[in-house]
Protein backbone atom coordinates (compact mmCIF):
# COMPACT_ATOMS: atom_id res chain seq x y z
CA UNK A 1 -14.38 -48.10 -32.45
CA UNK A 2 -11.30 -46.36 -33.53
CA UNK A 3 -8.10 -46.47 -35.34
CA UNK A 4 -5.90 -45.55 -32.57
CA UNK A 5 -5.61 -49.09 -31.46
CA UNK A 6 -3.11 -49.37 -34.24
CA UNK A 7 -0.25 -47.15 -33.60
CA UNK A 8 -2.26 -44.58 -31.89
CA UNK A 9 -4.65 -47.00 -30.16
CA UNK A 10 -1.85 -48.66 -28.12
CA UNK A 11 -0.25 -45.45 -27.36
CA UNK A 12 -3.61 -44.09 -26.50
CA UNK A 13 -4.38 -46.77 -24.02
CA UNK A 14 -0.95 -46.38 -22.32
CA UNK A 15 -1.05 -42.59 -22.26
CA UNK A 16 -4.44 -42.41 -20.91
CA UNK A 17 -3.43 -44.73 -18.27
CA UNK A 18 -0.27 -42.80 -17.38
CA UNK A 19 -1.23 -39.15 -18.08
CA UNK A 20 -4.97 -38.53 -17.89
CA UNK A 21 -6.46 -40.39 -14.87
CA UNK A 22 -5.82 -38.75 -11.60
CA UNK A 23 -4.28 -43.71 -6.71
CA UNK A 24 -6.86 -46.22 -6.87
CA UNK A 25 -6.92 -48.73 -4.01
CA UNK A 26 -9.48 -51.07 -5.64
CA UNK A 27 -9.76 -52.58 -9.03
CA UNK A 28 -11.39 -50.34 -11.65
CA UNK A 29 -13.61 -51.41 -14.39
CA UNK A 30 -13.09 -49.79 -17.77
CA UNK A 31 -16.21 -49.97 -20.02
CA UNK A 32 -14.95 -48.67 -23.44
CA UNK A 33 -18.34 -47.34 -24.87
CA UNK A 34 -16.95 -45.83 -28.10
CA UNK A 35 -13.62 -46.26 -29.94
CA UNK A 36 -13.94 -44.85 -33.37
CA UNK A 37 -12.10 -42.96 -36.05
CA UNK A 38 -12.82 -39.19 -35.76
CA UNK A 39 -15.75 -38.27 -37.89
CA UNK A 40 -14.03 -35.10 -39.31
CA UNK A 41 -11.00 -36.83 -40.71
CA UNK A 42 -10.58 -37.00 -44.43
CA UNK A 43 -8.05 -39.47 -45.92
CA UNK A 44 -6.25 -40.59 -42.80
CA UNK A 45 -3.05 -42.39 -43.06
CA UNK A 46 -4.37 -45.22 -40.77
CA UNK A 47 -7.79 -46.44 -39.72
CA UNK A 48 -9.13 -48.99 -37.48
CA UNK A 49 -12.04 -51.21 -38.10
CA UNK A 50 -13.73 -54.32 -36.54
CA UNK A 51 -12.87 -52.87 -33.21
CA UNK A 52 -14.28 -54.85 -30.22
CA UNK A 53 -13.20 -53.81 -26.80
CA UNK A 54 -14.43 -55.58 -23.70
CA UNK A 55 -13.83 -54.21 -20.25
CA UNK A 56 -12.50 -56.30 -17.44
CA UNK A 57 -11.34 -55.45 -13.95
CA UNK A 58 -7.99 -53.65 -14.49
CA UNK A 59 -7.89 -54.76 -18.11
CA UNK A 60 -9.42 -54.51 -21.55
CA UNK A 61 -9.57 -57.14 -24.39
CA UNK A 62 -9.02 -55.66 -27.82
CA UNK A 63 -9.77 -57.13 -31.28
CA UNK A 64 -9.25 -54.80 -34.16
CA UNK A 65 -7.78 -54.26 -37.72
CA UNK A 66 -5.62 -51.31 -38.39
CA UNK A 67 -5.27 -50.52 -42.10
CA UNK A 68 -2.11 -48.11 -42.77
CA UNK A 69 -2.41 -46.58 -46.33
CA UNK A 70 0.64 -44.41 -45.99
CA UNK A 71 3.84 -45.00 -43.95
CA UNK A 72 3.78 -42.88 -40.86
CA UNK A 73 7.41 -41.73 -40.26
CA UNK A 74 8.91 -40.04 -37.06
CA UNK A 75 8.71 -37.73 -35.54
CA UNK A 76 4.98 -38.28 -34.72
CA UNK A 77 3.42 -35.87 -32.34
CA UNK A 78 0.34 -36.51 -30.27
CA UNK A 79 -2.27 -34.07 -29.03
CA UNK A 80 -4.93 -35.50 -26.60
CA UNK A 81 -8.06 -33.60 -25.43
CA UNK A 82 -9.93 -35.04 -22.51
CA UNK A 83 -13.44 -34.20 -21.19
CA UNK A 84 -14.80 -35.60 -17.96
CA UNK A 85 -18.50 -36.12 -17.46
CA UNK A 86 -20.70 -37.58 -14.86
CA UNK A 87 -21.69 -41.31 -15.38
CA UNK A 88 -24.96 -40.18 -17.05
CA UNK A 89 -22.85 -38.39 -19.80
CA UNK A 90 -23.82 -34.92 -18.40
CA UNK A 91 -22.06 -31.94 -17.09
CA UNK A 92 -19.00 -32.54 -19.36
CA UNK A 93 -16.10 -30.36 -18.81
CA UNK A 94 -12.61 -29.97 -20.33
CA UNK A 95 -10.28 -32.01 -18.07
CA UNK A 96 -6.99 -31.90 -19.84
CA UNK A 97 -5.05 -31.02 -23.00
CA UNK A 98 -1.84 -32.83 -23.51
CA UNK A 99 0.71 -32.48 -26.27
CA UNK A 100 3.62 -34.92 -26.66
CA UNK A 101 6.47 -34.55 -29.11
CA UNK A 102 8.11 -37.45 -30.84
CA UNK A 103 6.18 -40.31 -29.31
CA UNK A 104 8.30 -42.90 -31.21
CA UNK A 105 11.36 -42.13 -29.14
CA UNK A 106 9.34 -42.55 -26.01
CA UNK A 107 7.99 -45.79 -27.02
CA UNK A 108 11.45 -47.11 -28.10
CA UNK A 109 13.06 -46.10 -24.86
CA UNK A 110 10.29 -47.58 -22.58
CA UNK A 111 9.94 -51.40 -22.41
CA UNK A 112 6.39 -51.05 -20.93
CA UNK A 113 5.15 -48.94 -23.84
CA UNK A 114 7.11 -51.04 -26.30
CA UNK A 115 5.28 -54.27 -24.99
CA UNK A 116 1.91 -52.85 -25.91
CA UNK A 117 3.01 -52.52 -29.59
CA UNK A 118 3.10 -56.33 -29.74
CA UNK A 119 -0.70 -56.71 -29.44
CA UNK A 120 -1.02 -56.63 -33.16
CA UNK A 121 0.26 -58.95 -35.74
CA UNK A 122 2.65 -57.99 -37.10
CA UNK A 123 3.76 -55.93 -34.19
CA UNK A 124 3.59 -52.14 -34.50
CA UNK A 125 6.75 -50.21 -35.11
CA UNK A 126 8.10 -46.68 -35.70
CA UNK A 127 7.97 -45.94 -38.59
CA UNK A 128 4.67 -47.47 -39.06
CA UNK A 129 4.75 -49.21 -42.43
CA UNK A 130 1.87 -49.55 -44.88
CA UNK A 131 -0.21 -52.76 -44.52
CA UNK A 132 -2.74 -54.43 -42.27
CA UNK A 133 -2.22 -55.12 -38.55
CA UNK A 134 -4.48 -57.35 -36.67
CA UNK A 135 -5.20 -57.76 -32.87
CA UNK A 136 -7.28 -60.72 -31.86
CA UNK A 137 -8.70 -60.71 -28.30
CA UNK A 138 -5.44 -59.21 -26.92
CA UNK A 139 -5.69 -58.48 -23.27
CA UNK A 140 -4.13 -55.14 -22.20
CA UNK A 141 -3.49 -55.19 -18.44
CA UNK A 142 -4.10 -51.73 -16.81
CA UNK A 143 -2.62 -52.41 -13.35
CA UNK A 144 -0.32 -49.47 -13.69
CA UNK A 145 -3.46 -47.39 -13.45
CA UNK A 146 -3.67 -48.39 -9.77
CA UNK A 147 -0.89 -46.02 -9.08
CA UNK A 148 -3.17 -42.95 -10.18
CA UNK A 149 -6.36 -41.70 -8.52
CA UNK A 150 -8.71 -42.60 -11.16
CA UNK A 151 -12.20 -41.10 -10.75
CA UNK A 152 -15.30 -42.83 -11.51
CA UNK A 153 -16.69 -40.87 -14.39
CA UNK A 154 -17.51 -40.98 -18.14
CA UNK A 155 -14.41 -39.86 -20.07
CA UNK A 156 -14.29 -38.52 -23.62
CA UNK A 157 -11.02 -38.31 -25.32
CA UNK A 158 -9.74 -37.35 -28.84
CA UNK A 159 -6.27 -38.37 -29.93
CA UNK A 160 -4.62 -36.79 -32.97
CA UNK A 161 -1.31 -38.11 -34.27
CA UNK A 162 0.55 -35.65 -36.45
CA UNK A 163 3.49 -35.74 -38.69
CA UNK A 164 6.36 -33.27 -38.80
CA UNK A 165 4.37 -30.87 -40.89
CA UNK A 166 1.59 -30.85 -38.26
CA UNK A 167 -0.78 -32.65 -40.59
CA UNK A 168 -3.16 -35.11 -38.77
CA UNK A 169 -2.23 -38.60 -39.80
CA UNK A 170 -4.61 -40.48 -37.46
CA UNK A 171 -7.38 -39.39 -35.12
CA UNK A 172 -9.46 -41.46 -32.67
CA UNK A 173 -12.35 -40.70 -30.42
CA UNK A 174 -12.84 -42.72 -27.32
CA UNK A 175 -15.50 -42.88 -24.56
CA UNK A 176 -14.88 -44.80 -21.47
CA UNK A 177 -16.97 -45.29 -18.35
CA UNK A 178 -14.76 -45.92 -15.25
CA UNK A 179 -16.50 -47.49 -12.28
CA UNK A 180 -15.59 -49.67 -9.29
CA UNK A 181 -17.65 -52.63 -10.63
CA UNK A 182 -19.13 -53.92 -13.81
């Protein structure tokens, strides 16, 4: 699975919840099939390893190690590309492209987003300092997604986090199957 569950991973989970998925009246089950570093990244500033994500109704459980080899200083910009496929992983189509400037300021001003930074030990922060960050079976509740009409589908997402020079510092690839039941 990927390195976005560090700085990017937490932001990824929350932003996917808030921005990507179109109101659900029943609990959704999120089966995270893939969470990995992008294959085309050379020398990223942060990488995730030992990632284990277990889906639960309206939640996921995360264990991961985030190694940051270079400090990631604000402003950090994010680009998200989303594809939606049927549950058999066929018929994929571009669903959304989202760009977000200065995500650190959004995290710092939003207590809900800030809470997700605490799933790692030590907690993630902006700037993201060099070091190792570990999440051990941290549960991320996804109840806020009930406000959005989330379609049952297979979703593919690529998250890129860039520095002020538009250099990619971290990139994650995530595949999630969203269904009404396990």
